């Protein structure tokens, strides 16, 4: 995994895909974009604004799944899980 995410080409591609201006620090822009989107999406959320409550609610609203990665082993397990399901987009996450 890249030591500095700002230097990783996939991060720059993600920023571009999100329509963000080119930057030497795309991670900061991506995080700001995500915070803005979450704020917009949670406008009709009526629960306590904690990650434990908001993330499952957002998963349902966005029909997606959030996974926390805390180690290289977590990442390897996630990549393996999705590759077994033939979702190979995850195969390059650790590069």
N, C-alpha and C. Protein backbone atom coordinates (compact mmCIF):
# COMPACT_ATOMS: atom_id res chain seq x y z
N UNK A 1 0.85 -1.17 0.00
CA UNK A 1 0.00 0.00 0.00
C UNK A 1 0.90 1.23 0.00
N UNK A 2 0.48 2.25 -0.66
CA UNK A 2 1.27 3.48 -0.75
C UNK A 2 1.48 4.08 0.63
N UNK A 3 2.71 4.53 0.90
CA UNK A 3 3.00 5.16 2.18
C UNK A 3 2.24 6.47 2.33
N UNK A 4 2.09 7.19 1.24
CA UNK A 4 1.37 8.45 1.27
C UNK A 4 0.23 8.36 0.25
N UNK A 5 -0.98 8.31 0.73
CA UNK A 5 -2.12 8.16 -0.17
C UNK A 5 -2.21 9.29 -1.19
N UNK A 6 -1.72 10.47 -0.85
CA UNK A 6 -1.75 11.59 -1.79
C UNK A 6 -0.93 11.29 -3.05
N UNK A 7 0.01 10.36 -2.96
CA UNK A 7 0.87 10.02 -4.09
C UNK A 7 0.31 8.86 -4.92
N UNK A 8 -0.75 8.24 -4.47
CA UNK A 8 -1.28 7.05 -5.12
C UNK A 8 -2.16 7.44 -6.30
N UNK A 9 -1.89 6.85 -7.45
CA UNK A 9 -2.61 7.20 -8.68
C UNK A 9 -4.11 6.94 -8.56
N UNK A 10 -4.50 5.91 -7.83
CA UNK A 10 -5.93 5.60 -7.68
C UNK A 10 -6.64 6.71 -6.92
N UNK A 11 -5.97 7.31 -5.96
CA UNK A 11 -6.56 8.42 -5.20
C UNK A 11 -6.77 9.62 -6.12
N UNK A 12 -5.79 9.89 -6.98
CA UNK A 12 -5.93 10.99 -7.94
C UNK A 12 -7.07 10.70 -8.92
N UNK A 13 -7.20 9.45 -9.33
CA UNK A 13 -8.29 9.06 -10.25
C UNK A 13 -9.64 9.21 -9.55
N UNK A 14 -9.72 8.82 -8.29
CA UNK A 14 -10.96 8.97 -7.53
C UNK A 14 -11.34 10.44 -7.44
N UNK A 15 -10.39 11.29 -7.11
CA UNK A 15 -10.66 12.73 -7.02
C UNK A 15 -11.17 13.26 -8.36
N UNK A 16 -10.55 12.83 -9.42
CA UNK A 16 -10.98 13.25 -10.76
C UNK A 16 -12.39 12.75 -11.04
N UNK A 17 -12.67 11.49 -10.72
CA UNK A 17 -14.00 10.91 -10.95
C UNK A 17 -15.08 11.64 -10.15
N UNK A 18 -14.71 12.19 -9.00
CA UNK A 18 -15.65 12.94 -8.17
C UNK A 18 -15.82 14.38 -8.66
N UNK A 19 -15.05 14.75 -9.68
CA UNK A 19 -15.14 16.10 -10.23
C UNK A 19 -14.37 17.13 -9.43
N UNK A 20 -13.40 16.69 -8.66
CA UNK A 20 -12.62 17.60 -7.83
C UNK A 20 -11.45 18.17 -8.61
N UNK A 21 -11.04 19.38 -8.27
CA UNK A 21 -9.90 20.01 -8.92
C UNK A 21 -8.64 19.23 -8.61
N UNK A 22 -7.73 19.21 -9.57
CA UNK A 22 -6.45 18.54 -9.37
C UNK A 22 -5.70 19.21 -8.22
N UNK A 23 -5.03 18.39 -7.41
CA UNK A 23 -4.36 18.91 -6.23
C UNK A 23 -3.22 17.98 -5.85
N UNK A 24 -2.22 18.54 -5.17
CA UNK A 24 -1.13 17.73 -4.63
C UNK A 24 -1.60 16.95 -3.41
N UNK A 25 -2.74 17.35 -2.83
CA UNK A 25 -3.29 16.68 -1.66
C UNK A 25 -4.75 16.30 -1.90
N UNK A 26 -4.97 15.31 -2.78
CA UNK A 26 -6.35 14.94 -3.11
C UNK A 26 -7.11 14.29 -1.96
N UNK A 27 -6.41 13.68 -1.02
CA UNK A 27 -7.10 13.02 0.10
C UNK A 27 -7.92 14.04 0.88
N UNK A 28 -7.34 15.20 1.15
CA UNK A 28 -8.05 16.25 1.88
C UNK A 28 -9.32 16.68 1.13
N UNK A 29 -9.22 16.80 -0.18
CA UNK A 29 -10.38 17.20 -0.99
C UNK A 29 -11.44 16.09 -1.01
N UNK A 30 -11.00 14.84 -1.09
CA UNK A 30 -11.94 13.72 -1.10
C UNK A 30 -12.68 13.65 0.23
N UNK A 31 -11.97 13.81 1.32
CA UNK A 31 -12.60 13.77 2.65
C UNK A 31 -13.61 14.91 2.78
N UNK A 32 -13.25 16.10 2.33
CA UNK A 32 -14.18 17.24 2.40
C UNK A 32 -15.42 16.96 1.55
N UNK A 33 -15.22 16.39 0.37
CA UNK A 33 -16.34 16.03 -0.51
C UNK A 33 -17.26 15.03 0.19
N UNK A 34 -16.67 14.01 0.79
CA UNK A 34 -17.47 12.98 1.47
C UNK A 34 -18.24 13.56 2.66
N UNK A 35 -17.59 14.42 3.42
CA UNK A 35 -18.28 15.05 4.55
C UNK A 35 -19.49 15.86 4.08
N UNK A 36 -19.30 16.59 2.98
CA UNK A 36 -20.40 17.39 2.43
C UNK A 36 -21.54 16.48 1.97
N UNK A 37 -21.21 15.40 1.29
CA UNK A 37 -22.23 14.47 0.80
C UNK A 37 -22.97 13.81 1.96
N UNK A 38 -22.25 13.40 2.98
CA UNK A 38 -22.89 12.78 4.15
C UNK A 38 -23.82 13.78 4.82
N UNK A 39 -23.37 15.02 4.93
CA UNK A 39 -24.22 16.06 5.52
C UNK A 39 -25.51 16.21 4.72
N UNK A 40 -25.39 16.23 3.39
CA UNK A 40 -26.57 16.34 2.53
C UNK A 40 -27.49 15.12 2.68
N UNK A 41 -26.89 13.94 2.69
CA UNK A 41 -27.68 12.71 2.74
C UNK A 41 -28.38 12.50 4.08
N UNK A 42 -27.77 13.00 5.15
CA UNK A 42 -28.34 12.77 6.47
C UNK A 42 -29.35 13.83 6.88
N UNK A 43 -29.74 14.66 5.94
CA UNK A 43 -30.73 15.70 6.24
C UNK A 43 -32.02 15.13 6.79
N UNK A 44 -32.41 13.92 6.37
CA UNK A 44 -33.65 13.31 6.86
C UNK A 44 -33.39 12.19 7.87
N UNK A 45 -32.16 12.10 8.39
CA UNK A 45 -31.83 11.11 9.42
C UNK A 45 -32.33 11.63 10.75
N UNK A 46 -33.09 10.82 11.47
CA UNK A 46 -33.67 11.30 12.72
C UNK A 46 -33.09 10.65 13.97
N UNK A 47 -31.99 9.93 13.82
CA UNK A 47 -31.36 9.29 14.97
C UNK A 47 -30.21 10.11 15.52
N UNK A 48 -29.52 9.51 16.49
CA UNK A 48 -28.34 10.15 17.07
C UNK A 48 -27.20 10.08 16.06
N UNK A 49 -26.55 11.20 15.81
CA UNK A 49 -25.50 11.28 14.79
C UNK A 49 -24.18 10.69 15.31
N UNK A 50 -24.14 9.37 15.38
CA UNK A 50 -22.92 8.67 15.74
C UNK A 50 -22.58 7.71 14.59
N UNK A 51 -21.32 7.37 14.42
CA UNK A 51 -20.98 6.43 13.35
C UNK A 51 -21.76 5.11 13.45
N UNK A 52 -21.97 4.65 14.68
CA UNK A 52 -22.69 3.39 14.88
C UNK A 52 -24.12 3.45 14.35
N UNK A 53 -24.72 4.62 14.39
CA UNK A 53 -26.10 4.80 13.91
C UNK A 53 -26.16 5.24 12.45
N UNK A 54 -25.27 6.15 12.07
CA UNK A 54 -25.34 6.74 10.75
C UNK A 54 -24.85 5.79 9.66
N UNK A 55 -23.76 5.07 9.90
CA UNK A 55 -23.21 4.22 8.84
C UNK A 55 -24.19 3.14 8.36
N UNK A 56 -24.83 2.39 9.24
CA UNK A 56 -25.82 1.42 8.74
C UNK A 56 -26.97 2.09 7.99
N UNK A 57 -27.38 3.25 8.46
CA UNK A 57 -28.46 3.99 7.80
C UNK A 57 -28.02 4.41 6.39
N UNK A 58 -26.78 4.91 6.27
CA UNK A 58 -26.26 5.30 4.96
C UNK A 58 -26.10 4.09 4.04
N UNK A 59 -25.69 2.96 4.60
CA UNK A 59 -25.57 1.74 3.80
C UNK A 59 -26.91 1.42 3.13
N UNK A 60 -27.97 1.52 3.89
CA UNK A 60 -29.29 1.26 3.33
C UNK A 60 -29.69 2.30 2.30
N UNK A 61 -29.44 3.54 2.61
CA UNK A 61 -29.82 4.62 1.70
C UNK A 61 -29.05 4.55 0.38
N UNK A 62 -27.79 4.17 0.46
CA UNK A 62 -26.92 4.14 -0.72
C UNK A 62 -26.81 2.74 -1.34
N UNK A 63 -27.45 1.77 -0.72
CA UNK A 63 -27.34 0.35 -1.12
C UNK A 63 -25.88 -0.04 -1.34
N UNK A 64 -25.11 0.14 -0.27
CA UNK A 64 -23.68 -0.19 -0.30
C UNK A 64 -23.29 -0.81 1.03
N UNK A 65 -22.02 -1.14 1.18
CA UNK A 65 -21.50 -1.72 2.42
C UNK A 65 -20.20 -1.01 2.75
N UNK A 66 -20.09 -0.52 3.98
CA UNK A 66 -18.86 0.09 4.44
C UNK A 66 -18.06 -0.94 5.22
N UNK A 67 -16.76 -1.00 4.97
CA UNK A 67 -15.88 -1.92 5.69
C UNK A 67 -14.71 -1.13 6.25
N UNK A 68 -14.44 -1.34 7.52
CA UNK A 68 -13.30 -0.67 8.15
C UNK A 68 -12.06 -1.53 7.99
N UNK A 69 -10.97 -0.89 7.62
CA UNK A 69 -9.69 -1.56 7.45
C UNK A 69 -8.72 -0.97 8.47
N UNK A 70 -8.20 -1.83 9.33
CA UNK A 70 -7.28 -1.37 10.37
C UNK A 70 -5.87 -1.94 10.20
N UNK A 71 -5.71 -2.89 9.30
CA UNK A 71 -4.40 -3.51 9.13
C UNK A 71 -4.29 -4.10 7.73
N UNK A 72 -3.06 -4.48 7.39
CA UNK A 72 -2.84 -5.15 6.11
C UNK A 72 -3.60 -6.47 6.06
N UNK A 73 -3.71 -7.14 7.20
CA UNK A 73 -4.45 -8.41 7.25
C UNK A 73 -5.94 -8.18 6.97
N UNK A 74 -6.50 -7.10 7.50
CA UNK A 74 -7.90 -6.75 7.20
C UNK A 74 -8.10 -6.53 5.71
N UNK A 75 -7.16 -5.81 5.11
CA UNK A 75 -7.24 -5.53 3.68
C UNK A 75 -7.14 -6.82 2.86
N UNK A 76 -6.21 -7.68 3.23
CA UNK A 76 -6.04 -8.95 2.51
C UNK A 76 -7.31 -9.80 2.61
N UNK A 77 -7.93 -9.81 3.77
CA UNK A 77 -9.17 -10.57 3.97
C UNK A 77 -10.30 -9.99 3.11
N UNK A 78 -10.40 -8.68 3.05
CA UNK A 78 -11.44 -8.03 2.25
C UNK A 78 -11.24 -8.31 0.76
N UNK A 79 -10.00 -8.19 0.30
CA UNK A 79 -9.69 -8.47 -1.10
C UNK A 79 -10.05 -9.91 -1.43
N UNK A 80 -9.66 -10.84 -0.58
CA UNK A 80 -9.95 -12.26 -0.79
C UNK A 80 -11.46 -12.50 -0.85
N UNK A 81 -12.18 -11.90 0.07
CA UNK A 81 -13.63 -12.07 0.14
C UNK A 81 -14.29 -11.66 -1.18
N UNK A 82 -13.95 -10.48 -1.68
CA UNK A 82 -14.60 -9.98 -2.88
C UNK A 82 -14.09 -10.66 -4.15
N UNK A 83 -12.83 -11.07 -4.17
CA UNK A 83 -12.33 -11.80 -5.33
C UNK A 83 -13.01 -13.17 -5.45
N UNK A 84 -13.29 -13.80 -4.32
CA UNK A 84 -14.02 -15.08 -4.34
C UNK A 84 -15.42 -14.89 -4.91
N UNK A 85 -15.96 -13.69 -4.77
CA UNK A 85 -17.29 -13.38 -5.32
C UNK A 85 -17.20 -12.86 -6.75
N UNK A 86 -16.00 -12.94 -7.32
CA UNK A 86 -15.74 -12.49 -8.70
C UNK A 86 -15.89 -10.97 -8.86
N UNK A 87 -15.67 -10.24 -7.78
CA UNK A 87 -15.68 -8.78 -7.82
C UNK A 87 -14.23 -8.32 -7.77
N UNK A 88 -13.58 -8.39 -8.92
CA UNK A 88 -12.14 -8.21 -9.00
C UNK A 88 -11.68 -6.76 -8.91
N UNK A 89 -12.58 -5.82 -8.82
CA UNK A 89 -12.19 -4.43 -8.62
C UNK A 89 -11.41 -4.25 -7.33
N UNK A 90 -11.60 -5.17 -6.40
CA UNK A 90 -10.91 -5.09 -5.12
C UNK A 90 -9.50 -5.69 -5.17
N UNK A 91 -9.17 -6.36 -6.25
CA UNK A 91 -7.88 -7.07 -6.32
C UNK A 91 -6.68 -6.14 -6.24
N UNK A 92 -6.83 -4.89 -6.61
CA UNK A 92 -5.68 -3.96 -6.61
C UNK A 92 -5.69 -3.00 -5.42
N UNK A 93 -6.55 -3.20 -4.46
CA UNK A 93 -6.62 -2.27 -3.34
C UNK A 93 -5.32 -2.18 -2.55
N UNK A 94 -4.58 -3.26 -2.48
CA UNK A 94 -3.36 -3.23 -1.67
C UNK A 94 -2.13 -2.77 -2.45
N UNK A 95 -2.29 -2.38 -3.70
CA UNK A 95 -1.15 -1.93 -4.50
C UNK A 95 -0.90 -0.45 -4.31
